[in-house]
Amino acid sequence: MMPCKKKSVSMVNADHDFASVGWIINGTGSGLSSYSQYLFGYFNMRVKMIPGNSAGTVTTFYFTSFGDAHDELDFEFLGNVTGQPIILQTNIYASGKGDREQRIFLWFDPTLDFHNYTILWNPQQVVFYVDGVPIRVYPNVEAATGVPYLKSQLMYAMGTIWDGDSWATEGGRVKIDWDNAPFIASYRDYFADACTDNDASTTCAMAKWWSQPQLQALDDSLIGQLDWVKKNYMVYDYCNDYARFNGTPPECAYTRPTSILYNTNSSLSSSAPSPTSSPFSVNPSSPGPSPVLSMSSRTLKYAQPIILLSTSLIILHISMQAGF
């Protein structure tokens, strides 16, 4: 008989321990979520992945609404056997339509240190960044193609670790080895500058730094970085899966929005935040929060049990292990 799976959640403050550990019997995973819901914003989480043999596990940082027609933005880290690289899968749901997976290897070992996983989401584009390097863009091309954009549904920020061994590693061929439990992913320095459930609107977004003209589309330099990631590290792109979609999904033809407020041939980087003041300059090897990330932090809560957190100095540990 296979053992039922126990999931544990623990947390450690940068200054002292919190005596809180929760168990979930026969559950599907452990996780945390934001109190606030967001409509557009800039979000950053620093995460250190499960070391060693993590095959079959899925570690996430993502945003979601709920319901059949939900929106969702996913960072999903697919565990692997020791010595093999962890795969980062991103996915996007808009109005309930997903199946937009892209998978890449990373240019570093994400189990050795904390790295920055960032989403910039404004009315014109969604950009996924890893340590400030764009790895994916989803521009608003709804007017030109009819493909829905994420523009009206409030979403929660969430982080989870769960048992995905039916598909996560080599299509499910490699299962979780529970002798290696507990599997621990660590989260820290969550930062959000966003429109929330109280003020979420396009008007709010347009007043924010992350929605100004220079950040409404990728400039040529960032397009070059994106192309570098695709050329050197991409292992799957739904845009190239012609058999699956009987062609190419229409949004795949675009790397910039089709209705933006300026000429994309101009220099989009000339008025962008400087490297010394921008959140994109966060040093992933820094032993503590950067000046930008320590400014403020949205309050987080654990899904099971409910534990309230309110400081950017808190390091979050989510672990999963087998039990009886």
Protein backbone atom coordinates (compact mmCIF):
# COMPACT_ATOMS: atom_id res chain seq x y z
CA MET A 1 0.00 0.00 0.00
CA MET A 2 1.31 3.42 -0.90
CA PRO A 3 1.70 5.75 2.08
CA CYS A 4 -0.60 8.70 2.26
CA LYS A 5 1.18 11.97 1.82
CA LYS A 6 1.66 14.41 4.66
CA LYS A 7 2.50 17.97 3.82
CA SER A 8 4.22 20.28 6.28
CA VAL A 9 4.52 24.02 6.32
CA SER A 10 7.10 25.87 8.39
CA MET A 11 8.60 29.32 8.44
CA VAL A 12 11.71 30.97 9.77
CA ASN A 13 12.22 34.68 10.40
CA ALA A 14 15.55 36.27 9.56
CA ASP A 15 15.97 37.12 13.26
CA HIS A 16 14.20 34.34 15.13
CA ASP A 17 12.15 31.19 14.60
CA PHE A 18 8.39 30.92 14.49
CA ALA A 19 7.10 27.83 16.29
CA SER A 20 4.52 26.90 13.69
CA VAL A 21 4.37 23.69 11.73
CA GLY A 22 1.22 22.41 10.04
CA TRP A 23 0.36 18.99 8.66
CA ILE A 24 -2.04 18.20 5.85
CA ILE A 25 -3.14 14.58 5.65
CA ASN A 26 -4.02 13.19 2.21
CA GLY A 27 -3.64 16.69 0.82
CA THR A 28 -2.30 17.83 -2.50
CA GLY A 29 0.40 20.20 -1.33
CA SER A 30 1.37 23.11 0.85
CA GLY A 31 1.08 26.74 -0.07
CA LEU A 32 0.71 30.41 0.71
CA SER A 33 -1.30 33.21 -0.83
CA SER A 34 -1.63 36.97 -0.66
CA TYR A 35 -4.49 38.59 1.19
CA SER A 36 -4.88 41.15 -1.59
CA GLN A 37 -6.10 40.55 -5.10
CA TYR A 38 -4.34 42.42 -7.88
CA LEU A 39 -5.20 43.86 -11.26
CA PHE A 40 -1.90 44.90 -12.87
CA GLY A 41 1.38 45.41 -11.04
CA TYR A 42 5.04 44.60 -10.52
CA PHE A 43 5.74 41.52 -8.39
CA ASN A 44 8.95 39.85 -7.23
CA MET A 45 9.60 36.73 -5.17
CA ARG A 46 12.99 35.30 -4.32
CA VAL A 47 12.93 31.50 -4.27
CA LYS A 48 15.47 28.74 -3.61
CA MET A 49 14.45 25.42 -5.10
CA ILE A 50 14.45 21.93 -3.61
CA PRO A 51 18.02 20.58 -3.45
CA GLY A 52 19.00 17.07 -4.48
CA ASN A 53 16.52 14.61 -5.95
CA SER A 54 13.33 16.62 -6.47
CA ALA A 55 11.87 14.47 -9.25
CA GLY A 56 8.07 14.52 -9.33
CA THR A 57 7.70 17.72 -7.32
CA VAL A 58 6.33 21.03 -8.61
CA THR A 59 7.26 24.32 -6.94
CA THR A 60 5.34 27.42 -8.00
CA PHE A 61 5.01 31.17 -7.78
CA TYR A 62 1.90 32.23 -9.62
CA PHE A 63 -1.16 34.48 -9.86
CA THR A 64 -4.71 33.29 -10.35
CA SER A 65 -8.36 34.21 -10.25
CA PHE A 66 -10.95 31.44 -9.95
CA GLY A 67 -13.72 29.89 -12.01
CA ASP A 68 -13.99 28.28 -15.42
CA ALA A 69 -13.03 31.53 -17.17
CA HIS A 70 -10.15 32.37 -14.84
CA ASP A 71 -6.91 34.21 -15.58
CA GLU A 72 -3.56 32.85 -14.44
CA LEU A 73 0.18 33.58 -14.71
CA ASP A 74 2.50 30.72 -13.72
CA PHE A 75 6.10 30.13 -12.75
CA GLU A 76 6.26 26.32 -12.28
CA PHE A 77 9.53 24.60 -11.42
CA LEU A 78 9.56 20.94 -12.39
CA GLY A 79 11.79 18.86 -10.14
CA ASN A 80 14.39 16.46 -11.47
CA VAL A 81 16.74 13.73 -10.32
CA THR A 82 20.04 14.75 -8.76
CA GLY A 83 22.44 16.16 -11.33
CA GLN A 84 19.77 16.96 -13.89
CA PRO A 85 18.56 20.53 -14.36
CA ILE A 86 15.26 21.76 -12.98
CA ILE A 87 12.94 22.93 -15.75
CA LEU A 88 11.10 26.23 -15.43
CA GLN A 89 7.68 26.10 -17.05
CA THR A 90 5.63 29.24 -17.56
CA ASN A 91 1.99 29.22 -18.54
CA ILE A 92 -0.72 31.81 -19.15
CA TYR A 93 -4.48 31.48 -18.87
CA ALA A 94 -6.72 34.23 -20.20
CA SER A 95 -10.50 33.93 -19.81
CA GLY A 96 -10.10 30.23 -19.03
CA LYS A 97 -7.92 29.40 -22.05
CA GLY A 98 -4.50 28.02 -21.17
CA ASP A 99 -2.28 25.49 -22.97
CA ARG A 100 0.39 28.16 -23.44
CA GLU A 101 3.32 26.32 -21.88
CA GLN A 102 6.92 27.32 -22.44
CA ARG A 103 9.77 25.43 -20.79
CA ILE A 104 13.35 26.51 -20.31
CA PHE A 105 16.49 25.41 -18.53
CA LEU A 106 18.05 28.08 -16.33
CA TRP A 107 21.58 29.42 -16.73
CA PHE A 108 22.32 28.75 -13.04
CA ASP A 109 21.52 26.13 -10.41
CA PRO A 110 18.33 27.40 -8.70
CA THR A 111 18.87 25.12 -5.69
CA LEU A 112 22.06 26.84 -4.49
CA ASP A 113 20.75 30.31 -3.73
CA PHE A 114 17.75 32.60 -3.88
CA HIS A 115 16.97 34.10 -7.28
CA ASN A 116 14.43 36.68 -8.41
CA TYR A 117 11.32 35.61 -10.25
CA THR A 118 9.42 38.64 -11.43
CA ILE A 119 6.21 39.48 -13.26
CA LEU A 120 5.46 42.88 -14.76
CA TRP A 121 1.78 43.08 -15.72
CA ASN A 122 0.24 46.23 -17.13
CA PRO A 123 -2.60 46.91 -19.59
CA GLN A 124 -0.27 46.40 -22.54
CA GLN A 125 1.92 43.41 -21.68
CA VAL A 126 2.88 40.69 -19.24
CA VAL A 127 6.61 40.01 -18.91
CA PHE A 128 8.22 37.17 -16.94
CA TYR A 129 11.74 37.91 -15.70
CA VAL A 130 14.42 35.77 -14.05
CA ASP A 131 17.05 37.88 -12.28
CA GLY A 132 16.04 40.81 -14.49
CA VAL A 133 16.30 38.87 -17.77
CA PRO A 134 13.03 38.63 -19.72
CA ILE A 135 12.20 35.01 -20.45
CA ARG A 136 8.69 35.48 -21.79
CA VAL A 137 6.34 38.23 -22.98
CA TYR A 138 2.58 38.09 -23.54
CA PRO A 139 1.54 41.34 -25.25
CA ASN A 140 -1.99 42.65 -25.45
CA VAL A 141 -3.00 41.84 -29.03
CA GLU A 142 -6.67 41.31 -28.29
CA ALA A 143 -7.87 44.04 -30.65
CA ALA A 144 -5.93 42.59 -33.57
CA THR A 145 -6.40 38.87 -32.97
CA GLY A 146 -9.36 38.38 -30.64
CA VAL A 147 -7.09 36.48 -28.23
CA PRO A 148 -8.13 37.54 -24.69
CA TYR A 149 -5.78 39.61 -22.58
CA LEU A 150 -5.63 39.59 -18.78
CA LYS A 151 -7.27 42.94 -18.13
CA SER A 152 -10.32 42.61 -15.89
CA GLN A 153 -9.93 39.76 -13.36
CA LEU A 154 -8.35 40.32 -9.96
CA MET A 155 -5.79 37.66 -9.08
CA TYR A 156 -4.17 36.38 -5.88
CA ALA A 157 -0.41 35.85 -5.63
CA MET A 158 0.36 32.29 -4.55
CA GLY A 159 3.27 29.94 -3.88
CA THR A 160 2.93 26.17 -3.60
CA ILE A 161 4.80 22.90 -3.59
CA TRP A 162 2.92 19.76 -4.59
CA ASP A 163 3.05 16.21 -5.83
CA GLY A 164 3.13 16.33 -9.62
CA ASP A 165 4.80 13.02 -10.30
CA SER A 166 2.06 11.97 -12.73
CA TRP A 167 3.52 14.42 -15.28
CA ALA A 168 6.24 16.74 -13.95
CA THR A 169 9.44 14.77 -14.62
CA GLU A 170 9.91 13.16 -18.02
CA GLY A 171 6.17 13.11 -18.56
CA GLY A 172 5.57 11.22 -15.32
CA ARG A 173 8.08 8.45 -15.93
CA VAL A 174 10.17 9.47 -12.91
CA LYS A 175 8.22 9.44 -9.66
CA ILE A 176 8.83 11.05 -6.28
CA ASP A 177 11.31 9.15 -4.12
CA TRP A 178 9.82 9.69 -0.68
CA ASP A 179 13.03 8.47 0.96
CA ASN A 180 14.40 11.93 0.09
CA ALA A 181 11.65 13.75 2.00
CA PRO A 182 11.11 16.34 3.24
CA PHE A 183 11.25 18.40 0.06
CA ILE A 184 11.78 22.04 0.99
CA ALA A 185 11.45 25.09 -1.23
CA SER A 186 12.27 28.45 0.36
CA TYR A 187 10.61 31.79 -0.41
CA ARG A 188 11.64 35.26 0.74
CA ASP A 189 11.35 39.01 0.12
CA TYR A 190 7.99 39.06 -1.61
CA PHE A 191 7.42 42.52 -3.08
CA ALA A 192 4.37 43.95 -4.83
CA ASP A 193 3.71 47.39 -6.25
CA ALA A 194 0.27 46.93 -7.70
CA CYS A 195 -3.34 47.96 -8.06
CA THR A 196 -5.35 46.01 -5.49
CA ASP A 197 -8.92 45.02 -4.85
CA ASN A 198 -9.61 48.49 -3.47
CA ASP A 199 -8.16 50.53 -6.31
CA ALA A 200 -7.69 48.16 -9.24
CA SER A 201 -8.47 49.88 -12.52
CA THR A 202 -6.78 51.00 -15.69
CA THR A 203 -6.68 54.50 -14.19
CA CYS A 204 -4.68 53.20 -11.22
CA ALA A 205 -2.34 51.29 -13.49
CA MET A 206 -1.59 54.21 -15.77
CA ALA A 207 -0.38 56.26 -12.80
CA LYS A 208 2.19 53.63 -11.82
CA TRP A 209 5.83 53.57 -12.88
CA TRP A 210 5.48 50.05 -14.24
CA SER A 211 2.81 51.18 -16.72
CA GLN A 212 4.59 54.19 -18.18
CA PRO A 213 5.31 54.22 -21.95
CA GLN A 214 8.84 52.82 -21.69
CA LEU A 215 7.48 49.69 -19.97
CA GLN A 216 4.46 49.09 -22.16
CA ALA A 217 6.55 47.11 -24.65
CA LEU A 218 9.97 45.50 -24.70
CA ASP A 219 12.67 47.62 -26.32
CA ASP A 220 15.12 46.17 -28.82
CA SER A 221 17.68 45.37 -26.12
CA LEU A 222 15.18 43.35 -24.08
CA ILE A 223 13.89 41.61 -27.21
CA GLY A 224 17.52 40.61 -27.79
CA GLN A 225 17.77 39.16 -24.28
CA LEU A 226 14.51 37.29 -24.81
CA ASP A 227 15.80 35.86 -28.07
CA TRP A 228 19.02 34.80 -26.28
CA VAL A 229 16.97 32.81 -23.74
CA LYS A 230 14.89 31.18 -26.47
CA LYS A 231 17.93 30.25 -28.55
CA ASN A 232 20.03 28.85 -25.72
CA TYR A 233 17.67 27.54 -23.04
CA MET A 234 14.19 26.86 -24.39
CA VAL A 235 13.21 23.19 -24.47
CA TYR A 236 9.51 23.53 -25.37
CA ASP A 237 7.38 26.30 -26.84
CA TYR A 238 3.69 25.82 -27.49
CA CYS A 239 4.03 28.29 -30.36
CA ASN A 240 6.08 25.70 -32.27
CA ASP A 241 3.85 22.72 -31.47
CA TYR A 242 2.13 22.74 -34.84
CA ALA A 243 0.63 19.28 -34.49
CA ARG A 244 -0.99 20.11 -31.15
CA PHE A 245 -2.68 23.27 -32.40
CA ASN A 246 -2.97 22.45 -36.11
CA GLY A 247 -0.92 25.55 -36.84
CA THR A 248 0.45 28.47 -34.85
CA PRO A 249 -1.66 30.26 -32.21
CA PRO A 250 -2.25 33.83 -33.42
CA GLU A 251 -0.68 35.57 -30.40
CA CYS A 252 2.64 33.88 -31.14
CA ALA A 253 3.30 36.30 -34.00
CA TYR A 254 3.76 39.21 -31.60
CA THR A 255 6.37 40.34 -29.10
CA ARG A 256 4.85 43.81 -28.69
CA PRO A 257 1.28 45.03 -28.15
CA THR A 258 -0.69 46.06 -31.21
CA SER A 259 -2.22 49.17 -29.61
CA ILE A 260 0.36 51.13 -27.65
CA LEU A 261 0.61 54.84 -27.04
CA TYR A 262 3.97 55.53 -28.69
CA ASN A 263 6.12 54.62 -31.65
CA THR A 264 7.91 51.33 -30.98
CA ASN A 265 10.68 52.40 -33.35
CA SER A 266 11.74 55.05 -30.85
CA SER A 267 14.09 54.30 -27.98
CA LEU A 268 11.92 52.75 -25.32
CA SER A 269 14.80 52.50 -22.89
CA SER A 270 15.76 56.16 -22.80
CA SER A 271 13.39 57.03 -19.96
CA ALA A 272 13.30 53.67 -18.21
CA PRO A 273 14.28 53.47 -14.53
CA SER A 274 18.05 53.52 -14.10
CA PRO A 275 19.81 50.25 -13.11
CA THR A 276 20.68 51.70 -9.71
CA SER A 277 17.09 52.61 -8.80
CA SER A 278 15.01 50.04 -10.63
CA PRO A 279 13.68 46.89 -8.92
CA PHE A 280 15.21 44.99 -11.84
CA SER A 281 18.64 45.63 -10.34
CA VAL A 282 18.10 43.27 -7.39
CA ASN A 283 21.23 41.23 -6.67
CA PRO A 284 20.20 37.56 -6.42
CA SER A 285 23.27 36.68 -4.35
CA SER A 286 22.64 39.39 -1.76
CA PRO A 287 22.44 37.90 1.76
CA GLY A 288 19.45 40.10 2.63
CA PRO A 289 16.69 42.16 1.05
CA SER A 290 17.80 44.81 -1.43
CA PRO A 291 16.87 48.42 -0.65
CA VAL A 292 14.02 48.19 -3.15
CA LEU A 293 12.60 44.92 -1.89
CA SER A 294 12.80 45.94 1.76
CA MET A 295 10.66 49.04 1.24
CA SER A 296 7.41 47.19 1.83
CA SER A 297 5.79 43.81 1.51
CA ARG A 298 2.25 42.66 1.04
CA THR A 299 1.02 40.47 3.87
CA LEU A 300 0.95 36.76 3.09
CA LYS A 301 -0.96 33.89 4.62
CA TYR A 302 -0.47 30.13 4.54
CA ALA A 303 -3.20 28.00 3.09
CA GLN A 304 -2.87 25.25 5.72
CA PRO A 305 -2.73 26.16 8.51
CA ILE A 306 -3.52 29.87 8.31
CA ILE A 307 -0.48 31.72 9.64
CA LEU A 308 -0.29 35.47 9.18
CA LEU A 309 2.95 37.05 7.97
CA SER A 310 3.64 40.75 7.73
CA THR A 311 7.31 41.48 7.12
CA SER A 312 9.60 41.29 4.13
CA LEU A 313 12.31 39.78 6.36
CA ILE A 314 10.40 36.54 6.78
CA ILE A 315 11.80 33.54 4.95
CA LEU A 316 9.11 31.08 3.97
CA HIS A 317 9.76 27.35 3.86
CA ILE A 318 7.23 25.04 2.25
CA SER A 319 7.97 21.35 2.62
CA MET A 320 6.39 18.09 1.56
CA GLN A 321 7.04 14.63 2.91
CA ALA A 322 5.53 11.17 3.07
CA GLY A 323 3.81 9.77 6.15
CA PHE A 324 1.28 7.29 7.37
